[in-house]
N, C-alpha and C. Protein backbone atom coordinates (compact mmCIF):
# COMPACT_ATOMS: atom_id res chain seq x y z
N UNK A 1 0.84 -1.19 0.00
CA UNK A 1 0.00 0.00 0.00
C UNK A 1 0.88 1.24 0.00
N UNK A 2 0.29 2.34 -0.41
CA UNK A 2 1.00 3.62 -0.40
C UNK A 2 1.35 4.01 1.02
N UNK A 3 2.60 4.38 1.24
CA UNK A 3 3.06 4.78 2.57
C UNK A 3 2.45 6.10 3.00
N UNK A 4 1.88 6.87 2.07
CA UNK A 4 1.26 8.14 2.41
C UNK A 4 -0.22 8.00 2.72
N UNK A 5 -1.01 7.65 1.72
CA UNK A 5 -2.46 7.65 1.87
C UNK A 5 -3.05 6.27 2.15
N UNK A 6 -2.25 5.22 2.06
CA UNK A 6 -2.74 3.89 2.35
C UNK A 6 -3.47 3.20 1.22
N UNK A 7 -3.48 3.79 0.03
CA UNK A 7 -4.14 3.17 -1.12
C UNK A 7 -3.42 1.87 -1.47
N UNK A 8 -4.16 0.78 -1.66
CA UNK A 8 -3.50 -0.48 -1.98
C UNK A 8 -2.93 -0.48 -3.40
N UNK A 9 -1.79 -1.14 -3.55
CA UNK A 9 -1.19 -1.34 -4.86
C UNK A 9 -1.55 -2.72 -5.38
N UNK A 10 -1.49 -2.89 -6.69
CA UNK A 10 -1.74 -4.20 -7.29
C UNK A 10 -0.61 -5.18 -6.98
N UNK A 11 0.60 -4.66 -6.84
CA UNK A 11 1.77 -5.48 -6.50
C UNK A 11 2.53 -4.81 -5.36
N UNK A 12 3.31 -5.58 -4.62
CA UNK A 12 4.08 -5.04 -3.51
C UNK A 12 5.22 -4.18 -4.05
N UNK A 13 5.19 -2.90 -3.71
CA UNK A 13 6.24 -1.97 -4.15
C UNK A 13 7.20 -1.62 -3.03
N UNK A 14 7.04 -2.25 -1.89
CA UNK A 14 7.91 -1.98 -0.76
C UNK A 14 7.25 -1.07 0.26
N UNK A 15 7.77 -1.05 1.48
CA UNK A 15 7.12 -0.31 2.57
C UNK A 15 7.15 1.21 2.45
N UNK A 16 8.07 1.77 1.68
CA UNK A 16 8.18 3.23 1.57
C UNK A 16 7.59 3.78 0.27
N UNK A 17 7.02 2.92 -0.57
CA UNK A 17 6.48 3.36 -1.87
C UNK A 17 5.27 4.26 -1.69
N UNK A 18 5.19 5.26 -2.55
CA UNK A 18 4.06 6.18 -2.53
C UNK A 18 3.38 6.19 -3.88
N UNK A 19 2.07 6.43 -3.85
CA UNK A 19 1.30 6.50 -5.09
C UNK A 19 1.59 7.82 -5.80
N UNK A 20 1.16 7.93 -7.04
CA UNK A 20 1.39 9.14 -7.82
C UNK A 20 0.79 10.37 -7.19
N UNK A 21 -0.42 10.24 -6.64
CA UNK A 21 -1.08 11.39 -6.02
C UNK A 21 -0.28 11.91 -4.83
N UNK A 22 0.25 11.01 -4.00
CA UNK A 22 1.03 11.43 -2.83
C UNK A 22 2.39 11.99 -3.21
N UNK A 23 2.95 11.50 -4.32
CA UNK A 23 4.21 12.06 -4.81
C UNK A 23 3.99 13.47 -5.34
N UNK A 24 2.87 13.67 -6.05
CA UNK A 24 2.57 14.98 -6.63
C UNK A 24 2.21 16.00 -5.55
N UNK A 25 1.37 15.59 -4.61
CA UNK A 25 0.92 16.47 -3.53
C UNK A 25 0.92 15.67 -2.23
N UNK A 26 2.01 15.67 -1.49
CA UNK A 26 2.06 14.90 -0.25
C UNK A 26 0.98 15.35 0.73
N UNK A 27 0.29 14.41 1.37
CA UNK A 27 -0.74 14.78 2.33
C UNK A 27 -0.13 15.41 3.58
N UNK A 28 -0.93 16.17 4.29
CA UNK A 28 -0.47 16.80 5.54
C UNK A 28 -0.27 15.76 6.63
N UNK A 29 -1.05 14.69 6.57
CA UNK A 29 -0.87 13.62 7.56
C UNK A 29 0.30 12.74 7.12
N UNK A 30 0.95 12.11 8.09
CA UNK A 30 2.16 11.32 7.81
C UNK A 30 1.86 10.02 7.09
N UNK A 31 0.74 9.40 7.41
CA UNK A 31 0.37 8.11 6.80
C UNK A 31 -1.09 7.82 7.11
N UNK A 32 -1.66 6.89 6.34
CA UNK A 32 -3.03 6.46 6.58
C UNK A 32 -3.11 4.95 6.42
N UNK A 33 -3.95 4.35 7.26
CA UNK A 33 -4.22 2.92 7.19
C UNK A 33 -5.71 2.70 7.38
N UNK A 34 -6.21 1.63 6.77
CA UNK A 34 -7.62 1.26 6.94
C UNK A 34 -7.70 -0.23 7.19
N UNK A 35 -8.70 -0.62 7.98
CA UNK A 35 -8.90 -2.04 8.28
C UNK A 35 -9.47 -2.79 7.09
N UNK A 36 -10.31 -2.14 6.30
CA UNK A 36 -11.03 -2.80 5.21
C UNK A 36 -11.08 -1.91 3.97
N UNK A 37 -11.29 -2.53 2.84
CA UNK A 37 -11.64 -1.81 1.62
C UNK A 37 -13.14 -1.59 1.67
N UNK A 38 -13.58 -0.37 1.37
CA UNK A 38 -15.01 -0.05 1.42
C UNK A 38 -15.73 -0.76 0.28
N UNK A 39 -16.63 -1.62 0.63
CA UNK A 39 -17.40 -2.40 -0.34
C UNK A 39 -17.83 -3.70 0.31
N UNK A 40 -18.76 -4.40 -0.28
CA UNK A 40 -19.22 -5.70 0.21
C UNK A 40 -19.61 -5.67 1.66
N UNK A 41 -19.16 -6.68 2.43
CA UNK A 41 -19.53 -6.77 3.86
C UNK A 41 -19.05 -5.58 4.69
N UNK A 42 -17.87 -5.03 4.35
CA UNK A 42 -17.37 -3.87 5.11
C UNK A 42 -18.32 -2.68 4.97
N UNK A 43 -18.85 -2.47 3.78
CA UNK A 43 -19.81 -1.40 3.54
C UNK A 43 -21.11 -1.65 4.30
N UNK A 44 -21.58 -2.89 4.27
CA UNK A 44 -22.81 -3.25 4.97
C UNK A 44 -22.69 -3.00 6.46
N UNK A 45 -21.58 -3.44 7.05
CA UNK A 45 -21.35 -3.22 8.48
C UNK A 45 -21.29 -1.73 8.80
N UNK A 46 -20.52 -0.99 7.99
CA UNK A 46 -20.37 0.44 8.24
C UNK A 46 -21.69 1.19 8.14
N UNK A 47 -22.48 0.91 7.12
CA UNK A 47 -23.77 1.61 6.97
C UNK A 47 -24.74 1.26 8.10
N UNK A 48 -24.73 -0.01 8.53
CA UNK A 48 -25.57 -0.39 9.66
C UNK A 48 -25.15 0.31 10.94
N UNK A 49 -23.86 0.43 11.12
CA UNK A 49 -23.30 1.12 12.29
C UNK A 49 -23.63 2.60 12.27
N UNK A 50 -23.36 3.23 11.15
CA UNK A 50 -23.46 4.69 11.04
C UNK A 50 -24.90 5.19 10.91
N UNK A 51 -25.68 4.52 10.07
CA UNK A 51 -27.04 5.02 9.79
C UNK A 51 -28.15 4.14 10.36
N UNK A 52 -27.81 2.94 10.82
CA UNK A 52 -28.81 2.03 11.36
C UNK A 52 -28.84 2.00 12.87
N UNK A 53 -28.13 2.93 13.52
CA UNK A 53 -28.10 3.04 14.98
C UNK A 53 -27.66 1.72 15.63
N UNK A 54 -26.71 1.04 15.01
CA UNK A 54 -26.20 -0.22 15.57
C UNK A 54 -24.85 0.06 16.22
N UNK A 55 -24.90 0.83 17.29
CA UNK A 55 -23.69 1.30 17.96
C UNK A 55 -22.84 0.15 18.52
N UNK A 56 -23.47 -0.96 18.83
CA UNK A 56 -22.74 -2.10 19.36
C UNK A 56 -21.69 -2.63 18.38
N UNK A 57 -21.83 -2.29 17.09
CA UNK A 57 -20.88 -2.77 16.09
C UNK A 57 -19.47 -2.18 16.29
N UNK A 58 -19.36 -1.10 17.04
CA UNK A 58 -18.03 -0.53 17.31
C UNK A 58 -17.13 -1.57 17.97
N UNK A 59 -17.69 -2.38 18.87
CA UNK A 59 -16.91 -3.43 19.54
C UNK A 59 -16.51 -4.52 18.57
N UNK A 60 -17.34 -4.79 17.57
CA UNK A 60 -17.05 -5.80 16.56
C UNK A 60 -15.98 -5.28 15.59
N UNK A 61 -16.01 -3.98 15.29
CA UNK A 61 -15.09 -3.36 14.34
C UNK A 61 -13.71 -3.09 14.96
N UNK A 62 -13.67 -2.91 16.27
CA UNK A 62 -12.43 -2.51 16.95
C UNK A 62 -11.25 -3.47 16.73
N UNK A 63 -11.44 -4.79 16.78
CA UNK A 63 -10.26 -5.65 16.57
C UNK A 63 -9.58 -5.45 15.21
N UNK A 64 -10.38 -5.25 14.17
CA UNK A 64 -9.79 -5.02 12.85
C UNK A 64 -9.11 -3.65 12.79
N UNK A 65 -9.70 -2.67 13.46
CA UNK A 65 -9.09 -1.34 13.50
C UNK A 65 -7.74 -1.40 14.23
N UNK A 66 -7.69 -2.12 15.34
CA UNK A 66 -6.45 -2.27 16.10
C UNK A 66 -5.41 -3.04 15.28
N UNK A 67 -5.84 -4.07 14.57
CA UNK A 67 -4.92 -4.81 13.71
C UNK A 67 -4.33 -3.89 12.65
N UNK A 68 -5.17 -3.06 12.03
CA UNK A 68 -4.69 -2.14 10.99
C UNK A 68 -3.75 -1.09 11.58
N UNK A 69 -4.06 -0.61 12.79
CA UNK A 69 -3.21 0.39 13.44
C UNK A 69 -1.87 -0.17 13.85
N UNK A 70 -1.84 -1.44 14.21
CA UNK A 70 -0.60 -2.13 14.54
C UNK A 70 0.30 -1.38 15.49
N UNK A 71 1.52 -1.14 15.07
CA UNK A 71 2.53 -0.51 15.93
C UNK A 71 2.30 0.97 16.18
N UNK A 72 1.32 1.57 15.53
CA UNK A 72 0.99 2.97 15.82
C UNK A 72 0.38 3.11 17.21
N UNK A 73 -0.35 2.08 17.62
CA UNK A 73 -1.15 2.16 18.84
C UNK A 73 -0.33 1.84 20.08
N UNK A 74 -0.71 2.45 21.19
CA UNK A 74 -0.04 2.21 22.46
C UNK A 74 -0.04 3.47 23.31
N UNK A 75 0.61 3.41 24.46
CA UNK A 75 0.54 4.52 25.41
C UNK A 75 1.20 5.82 24.94
N UNK A 76 2.03 5.76 23.90
CA UNK A 76 2.69 6.97 23.41
C UNK A 76 1.89 7.70 22.35
N UNK A 77 0.74 7.17 21.97
CA UNK A 77 -0.10 7.79 20.94
C UNK A 77 -1.40 8.28 21.55
N UNK A 78 -2.08 9.14 20.80
CA UNK A 78 -3.36 9.68 21.24
C UNK A 78 -4.36 9.56 20.10
N UNK A 79 -5.46 8.84 20.34
CA UNK A 79 -6.52 8.70 19.34
C UNK A 79 -7.44 9.91 19.42
N UNK A 80 -7.64 10.57 18.28
CA UNK A 80 -8.53 11.73 18.20
C UNK A 80 -9.54 11.46 17.09
N UNK A 81 -10.83 11.33 17.44
CA UNK A 81 -11.84 11.08 16.41
C UNK A 81 -12.18 12.34 15.62
N UNK A 82 -12.53 12.14 14.35
CA UNK A 82 -13.05 13.25 13.54
C UNK A 82 -14.40 13.63 14.14
N UNK A 83 -14.59 14.90 14.49
CA UNK A 83 -15.84 15.29 15.14
C UNK A 83 -16.99 15.52 14.15
N UNK A 84 -18.20 15.39 14.67
CA UNK A 84 -19.40 15.78 13.93
C UNK A 84 -19.80 17.17 14.37
N UNK A 85 -20.47 17.90 13.49
CA UNK A 85 -21.04 19.19 13.90
C UNK A 85 -22.15 18.90 14.90
N UNK A 86 -22.38 19.82 15.82
CA UNK A 86 -23.35 19.58 16.90
C UNK A 86 -24.74 19.23 16.39
N UNK A 87 -25.16 19.81 15.26
CA UNK A 87 -26.50 19.50 14.75
C UNK A 87 -26.57 18.08 14.19
N UNK A 88 -25.51 17.64 13.53
CA UNK A 88 -25.49 16.26 13.03
C UNK A 88 -25.38 15.26 14.19
N UNK A 89 -24.62 15.64 15.20
CA UNK A 89 -24.50 14.80 16.39
C UNK A 89 -25.86 14.68 17.08
N UNK A 90 -26.57 15.78 17.19
CA UNK A 90 -27.90 15.77 17.80
C UNK A 90 -28.85 14.89 17.00
N UNK A 91 -28.80 15.00 15.68
CA UNK A 91 -29.70 14.22 14.82
C UNK A 91 -29.37 12.72 14.86
N UNK A 92 -28.09 12.37 14.78
CA UNK A 92 -27.68 10.96 14.76
C UNK A 92 -27.69 10.36 16.15
N UNK A 93 -27.33 11.16 17.14
CA UNK A 93 -27.31 10.68 18.51
C UNK A 93 -25.95 10.17 18.98
N UNK A 94 -25.00 10.03 18.08
CA UNK A 94 -23.67 9.58 18.44
C UNK A 94 -22.70 9.93 17.32
N UNK A 95 -21.42 9.98 17.67
CA UNK A 95 -20.37 10.19 16.68
C UNK A 95 -19.71 8.84 16.43
N UNK A 96 -19.87 8.30 15.23
CA UNK A 96 -19.34 6.98 14.92
C UNK A 96 -17.83 6.92 15.06
N UNK A 97 -17.12 8.00 14.71
CA UNK A 97 -15.66 8.03 14.83
C UNK A 97 -15.24 7.98 16.30
N UNK A 98 -15.99 8.66 17.15
CA UNK A 98 -15.68 8.65 18.58
C UNK A 98 -15.88 7.26 19.17
N UNK A 99 -16.96 6.58 18.78
CA UNK A 99 -17.20 5.22 19.27
C UNK A 99 -16.09 4.28 18.82
N UNK A 100 -15.64 4.41 17.57
CA UNK A 100 -14.54 3.58 17.06
C UNK A 100 -13.24 3.87 17.83
N UNK A 101 -12.95 5.15 18.05
CA UNK A 101 -11.74 5.53 18.78
C UNK A 101 -11.76 4.98 20.20
N UNK A 102 -12.89 5.10 20.87
CA UNK A 102 -13.00 4.61 22.24
C UNK A 102 -12.83 3.09 22.31
N UNK A 103 -13.48 2.38 21.38
CA UNK A 103 -13.37 0.91 21.36
C UNK A 103 -11.95 0.48 21.05
N UNK A 104 -11.30 1.14 20.09
CA UNK A 104 -9.91 0.80 19.74
C UNK A 104 -8.97 1.17 20.89
N UNK A 105 -9.25 2.27 21.56
CA UNK A 105 -8.43 2.68 22.70
C UNK A 105 -8.49 1.69 23.84
N UNK A 106 -9.69 1.22 24.16
CA UNK A 106 -9.84 0.21 25.21
C UNK A 106 -9.10 -1.08 24.85
N UNK A 107 -9.20 -1.47 23.61
CA UNK A 107 -8.61 -2.73 23.16
C UNK A 107 -7.08 -2.66 23.08
N UNK A 108 -6.53 -1.49 22.78
CA UNK A 108 -5.09 -1.36 22.54
C UNK A 108 -4.32 -0.66 23.66
N UNK A 109 -5.03 -0.10 24.61
CA UNK A 109 -4.35 0.66 25.67
C UNK A 109 -3.87 2.03 25.21
N UNK A 110 -4.52 2.56 24.17
CA UNK A 110 -4.16 3.88 23.63
C UNK A 110 -5.10 4.92 24.21
N UNK A 111 -4.53 6.05 24.59
CA UNK A 111 -5.34 7.15 25.14
C UNK A 111 -6.25 7.72 24.06
N UNK A 112 -7.41 8.26 24.48
CA UNK A 112 -8.39 8.84 23.56
C UNK A 112 -8.73 10.25 24.03
N UNK A 113 -8.78 11.19 23.08
CA UNK A 113 -9.19 12.57 23.39
C UNK A 113 -10.36 12.93 22.48
N UNK A 114 -11.56 12.58 22.92
CA UNK A 114 -12.76 12.83 22.13
C UNK A 114 -13.02 14.31 21.94
N UNK A 115 -12.58 15.12 22.90
CA UNK A 115 -12.88 16.55 22.88
C UNK A 115 -11.75 17.42 22.32
N UNK A 116 -10.71 16.83 21.76
CA UNK A 116 -9.57 17.62 21.30
C UNK A 116 -9.88 18.46 20.07
N UNK A 117 -10.74 17.95 19.21
CA UNK A 117 -11.04 18.58 17.93
C UNK A 117 -12.56 18.78 17.84
N UNK A 118 -12.98 19.93 17.32
CA UNK A 118 -14.42 20.19 17.14
C UNK A 118 -14.68 20.64 15.71
N UNK A 119 -15.90 20.37 15.26
CA UNK A 119 -16.34 20.85 13.95
C UNK A 119 -17.15 22.10 14.22
N UNK A 120 -16.64 23.24 13.78
CA UNK A 120 -17.25 24.53 14.09
C UNK A 120 -18.22 24.99 13.02
N UNK A 121 -18.19 24.33 11.88
CA UNK A 121 -19.08 24.72 10.79
C UNK A 121 -19.74 23.47 10.22
N UNK A 122 -21.04 23.54 10.05
CA UNK A 122 -21.76 22.42 9.44
C UNK A 122 -21.36 22.32 7.97
N UNK A 123 -21.20 21.11 7.49
CA UNK A 123 -20.84 20.87 6.10
C UNK A 123 -21.93 20.02 5.45
N UNK A 124 -22.04 20.14 4.15
CA UNK A 124 -23.01 19.31 3.44
C UNK A 124 -22.42 17.92 3.27
N UNK A 125 -23.28 16.94 3.06
CA UNK A 125 -22.79 15.58 2.83
C UNK A 125 -21.92 15.57 1.59
N UNK A 126 -20.81 14.85 1.65
CA UNK A 126 -19.84 14.89 0.57
C UNK A 126 -20.02 13.78 -0.46
N UNK A 127 -21.06 12.99 -0.31
CA UNK A 127 -21.31 11.89 -1.24
C UNK A 127 -21.40 12.42 -2.66
N UNK A 128 -20.61 11.84 -3.55
CA UNK A 128 -20.63 12.23 -4.96
C UNK A 128 -19.70 13.38 -5.31
N UNK A 129 -19.07 14.00 -4.32
CA UNK A 129 -18.14 15.10 -4.59
C UNK A 129 -16.77 14.58 -4.94
N UNK A 130 -16.08 15.30 -5.80
CA UNK A 130 -14.69 15.00 -6.12
C UNK A 130 -13.76 15.58 -5.07
N UNK A 131 -12.47 15.36 -5.26
CA UNK A 131 -11.46 15.80 -4.29
C UNK A 131 -11.52 17.31 -4.01
N UNK A 132 -11.57 18.14 -5.06
CA UNK A 132 -11.57 19.60 -4.86
C UNK A 132 -12.81 20.09 -4.13
N UNK A 133 -13.97 19.56 -4.52
CA UNK A 133 -15.21 19.98 -3.86
C UNK A 133 -15.24 19.53 -2.40
N UNK A 134 -14.72 18.32 -2.14
CA UNK A 134 -14.67 17.84 -0.76
C UNK A 134 -13.74 18.74 0.08
N UNK A 135 -12.61 19.12 -0.49
CA UNK A 135 -11.67 19.99 0.23
C UNK A 135 -12.32 21.35 0.53
N UNK A 136 -13.02 21.91 -0.44
CA UNK A 136 -13.72 23.19 -0.23
C UNK A 136 -14.82 23.05 0.81
N UNK A 137 -15.47 21.91 0.82
CA UNK A 137 -16.59 21.66 1.74
C UNK A 137 -16.13 21.67 3.19
N UNK A 138 -14.92 21.18 3.48
CA UNK A 138 -14.45 21.11 4.86
C UNK A 138 -13.49 22.23 5.25
N UNK A 139 -13.21 23.14 4.31
CA UNK A 139 -12.31 24.25 4.60
C UNK A 139 -12.84 25.08 5.76
N UNK A 140 -12.05 25.23 6.80
CA UNK A 140 -12.44 26.03 7.97
C UNK A 140 -13.48 25.38 8.85
N UNK A 141 -13.73 24.09 8.66
CA UNK A 141 -14.79 23.42 9.42
C UNK A 141 -14.33 22.90 10.78
N UNK A 142 -13.01 22.82 10.99
CA UNK A 142 -12.50 22.21 12.23
C UNK A 142 -11.64 23.19 13.02
N UNK A 143 -11.62 22.95 14.34
CA UNK A 143 -10.80 23.76 15.24
C UNK A 143 -10.33 22.85 16.37
N UNK A 144 -9.12 23.10 16.84
CA UNK A 144 -8.61 22.36 17.99
C UNK A 144 -9.17 23.02 19.24
N UNK A 145 -9.99 22.30 19.97
CA UNK A 145 -10.63 22.84 21.17
C UNK A 145 -9.75 22.68 22.40
N UNK A 146 -8.86 21.69 22.35
CA UNK A 146 -8.00 21.40 23.50
C UNK A 146 -6.54 21.35 23.07
N UNK A 147 -5.92 22.52 22.78
CA UNK A 147 -4.51 22.53 22.38
C UNK A 147 -3.59 21.87 23.39
N UNK A 148 -3.97 21.95 24.67
CA UNK A 148 -3.16 21.32 25.72
C UNK A 148 -3.11 19.80 25.59
N UNK A 149 -4.14 19.20 25.00
CA UNK A 149 -4.17 17.75 24.80
C UNK A 149 -3.39 17.34 23.54
N UNK A 150 -3.19 18.26 22.63
CA UNK A 150 -2.63 17.97 21.31
C UNK A 150 -1.15 18.27 21.21
N UNK A 151 -0.70 19.34 21.85
CA UNK A 151 0.69 19.80 21.68
C UNK A 151 1.70 18.71 22.03
N UNK A 152 2.62 18.45 21.09
CA UNK A 152 3.69 17.48 21.30
C UNK A 152 3.26 16.03 21.20
N UNK A 153 2.01 15.79 20.83
CA UNK A 153 1.48 14.42 20.80
C UNK A 153 1.59 13.76 19.43
N UNK A 154 1.71 12.45 19.46
CA UNK A 154 1.66 11.63 18.26
C UNK A 154 0.19 11.26 18.07
N UNK A 155 -0.49 11.95 17.17
CA UNK A 155 -1.94 11.84 17.01
C UNK A 155 -2.29 10.78 15.97
N UNK A 156 -3.28 9.98 16.30
CA UNK A 156 -3.89 9.06 15.34
C UNK A 156 -5.33 9.53 15.17
N UNK A 157 -5.60 10.12 14.03
CA UNK A 157 -6.93 10.63 13.70
C UNK A 157 -7.79 9.45 13.27
N UNK A 158 -8.94 9.28 13.91
CA UNK A 158 -9.81 8.13 13.65
C UNK A 158 -11.08 8.59 12.95
N UNK A 159 -11.43 7.88 11.89
CA UNK A 159 -12.69 8.14 11.18
C UNK A 159 -13.25 6.81 10.69
N UNK A 160 -14.48 6.86 10.20
CA UNK A 160 -15.11 5.62 9.73
C UNK A 160 -14.63 5.23 8.34
N UNK A 161 -14.48 6.21 7.45
CA UNK A 161 -14.09 5.89 6.08
C UNK A 161 -13.20 7.00 5.51
N UNK A 162 -12.21 6.62 4.71
CA UNK A 162 -11.35 7.56 4.01
C UNK A 162 -11.69 7.47 2.53
N UNK A 163 -12.10 8.59 1.96
CA UNK A 163 -12.46 8.60 0.54
C UNK A 163 -11.38 9.33 -0.24
N UNK A 164 -11.39 10.65 -0.24
CA UNK A 164 -10.35 11.42 -0.93
C UNK A 164 -9.27 11.90 0.04
N UNK A 165 -9.57 11.88 1.32
CA UNK A 165 -8.63 12.38 2.32
C UNK A 165 -8.83 13.84 2.67
N UNK A 166 -9.86 14.48 2.11
CA UNK A 166 -10.08 15.91 2.36
C UNK A 166 -10.36 16.21 3.83
N UNK A 167 -11.19 15.40 4.47
CA UNK A 167 -11.49 15.62 5.89
C UNK A 167 -10.24 15.38 6.73
N UNK A 168 -9.52 14.31 6.44
CA UNK A 168 -8.29 14.01 7.18
C UNK A 168 -7.27 15.13 7.00
N UNK A 169 -7.17 15.67 5.79
CA UNK A 169 -6.25 16.79 5.53
C UNK A 169 -6.62 18.01 6.36
N UNK A 170 -7.91 18.34 6.37
CA UNK A 170 -8.37 19.52 7.12
C UNK A 170 -8.11 19.36 8.61
N UNK A 171 -8.38 18.17 9.13
CA UNK A 171 -8.14 17.92 10.56
C UNK A 171 -6.65 17.93 10.87
N UNK A 172 -5.86 17.27 10.03
CA UNK A 172 -4.41 17.22 10.25
C UNK A 172 -3.80 18.62 10.25
N UNK A 173 -4.27 19.46 9.34
CA UNK A 173 -3.76 20.83 9.27
C UNK A 173 -3.96 21.55 10.61
N UNK A 174 -5.15 21.42 11.19
CA UNK A 174 -5.43 22.09 12.46
C UNK A 174 -4.63 21.48 13.62
N UNK A 175 -4.52 20.16 13.63
CA UNK A 175 -3.78 19.49 14.70
C UNK A 175 -2.29 19.84 14.66
N UNK A 176 -1.73 19.90 13.46
CA UNK A 176 -0.32 20.27 13.33
C UNK A 176 -0.09 21.73 13.71
N UNK A 177 -1.01 22.60 13.34
CA UNK A 177 -0.90 24.02 13.74
C UNK A 177 -0.93 24.17 15.25
N UNK A 178 -1.67 23.27 15.92
CA UNK A 178 -1.78 23.32 17.38
C UNK A 178 -0.59 22.67 18.07
N UNK A 179 0.37 22.18 17.29
CA UNK A 179 1.60 21.66 17.88
C UNK A 179 1.71 20.15 17.96
N UNK A 180 0.81 19.43 17.30
CA UNK A 180 0.94 17.97 17.29
C UNK A 180 2.28 17.58 16.67
N UNK A 181 2.92 16.58 17.22
CA UNK A 181 4.21 16.12 16.71
C UNK A 181 4.04 15.46 15.34
N UNK A 182 2.98 14.67 15.21
CA UNK A 182 2.71 13.96 13.96
C UNK A 182 1.24 13.57 13.96
N UNK A 183 0.64 13.49 12.76
CA UNK A 183 -0.74 13.04 12.61
C UNK A 183 -0.77 11.90 11.60
N UNK A 184 -1.32 10.77 12.03
CA UNK A 184 -1.57 9.64 11.14
C UNK A 184 -3.06 9.36 11.17
N UNK A 185 -3.55 8.71 10.14
CA UNK A 185 -5.00 8.50 9.98
C UNK A 185 -5.30 7.01 10.02
N UNK A 186 -6.30 6.64 10.82
CA UNK A 186 -6.73 5.25 10.93
C UNK A 186 -8.24 5.20 10.73
N UNK A 187 -8.68 4.44 9.73
CA UNK A 187 -10.11 4.34 9.44
C UNK A 187 -10.55 2.89 9.36
N UNK A 188 -11.85 2.68 9.53
CA UNK A 188 -12.42 1.36 9.38
C UNK A 188 -12.32 0.92 7.92
N UNK A 189 -12.64 1.82 7.00
CA UNK A 189 -12.64 1.45 5.59
C UNK A 189 -12.00 2.54 4.74
N UNK A 190 -11.56 2.12 3.56
CA UNK A 190 -10.97 3.05 2.59
C UNK A 190 -11.61 2.80 1.26
N UNK A 191 -12.09 3.87 0.64
CA UNK A 191 -12.66 3.76 -0.70
C UNK A 191 -11.52 3.56 -1.69
N UNK A 192 -11.66 2.54 -2.51
CA UNK A 192 -10.67 2.23 -3.53
C UNK A 192 -11.39 2.15 -4.85
N UNK A 193 -10.87 2.83 -5.85
CA UNK A 193 -11.50 2.78 -7.17
C UNK A 193 -11.60 1.34 -7.65
N UNK A 194 -12.69 1.02 -8.30
CA UNK A 194 -12.96 -0.31 -8.86
C UNK A 194 -13.19 -1.38 -7.79
N UNK A 195 -13.38 -0.98 -6.51
CA UNK A 195 -13.70 -1.97 -5.47
C UNK A 195 -15.20 -2.19 -5.42
N UNK A 196 -15.62 -3.43 -5.24
CA UNK A 196 -17.05 -3.74 -5.20
C UNK A 196 -17.62 -3.46 -3.84
């Protein structure tokens, strides 16, 4: 997989290989990993979890998330979930990224800071948007609410799915500005072109 964005390669290119997109425009985050490719059963589980109010699935998803995180996880790292805007949180009733971060934290012994990052601006759903529109959609949407929790920390940003990386980029930018030592991204699933 790409050492930058975590996109899978057709053949093993080595642990430091990067895809063309990451070579052309390196992401702000240091690396990204996902437990699953978005599609098939992974998609079904994620949609049931996120939109079907099946919060208990976080415990089922956590072992795969911890496996994907591997050596990133432990007492020297801090899991920070991608936040929802307060109105979306009120409507859904929970933040799926926060539940995943908490479950992975319990399973791996990694600290979790649910309140470190906040979404200060509501954004429209990004389904169907390309990379540029997604980036514009989340521009200025996040703020570090707890700089004291972030400064000097090795942050693992947790989300449910990585599509273009626009949300992860926006969050990483804010976390790094607040003094984070490094930001890596860990998601349940990753959208891959031509994946079923």
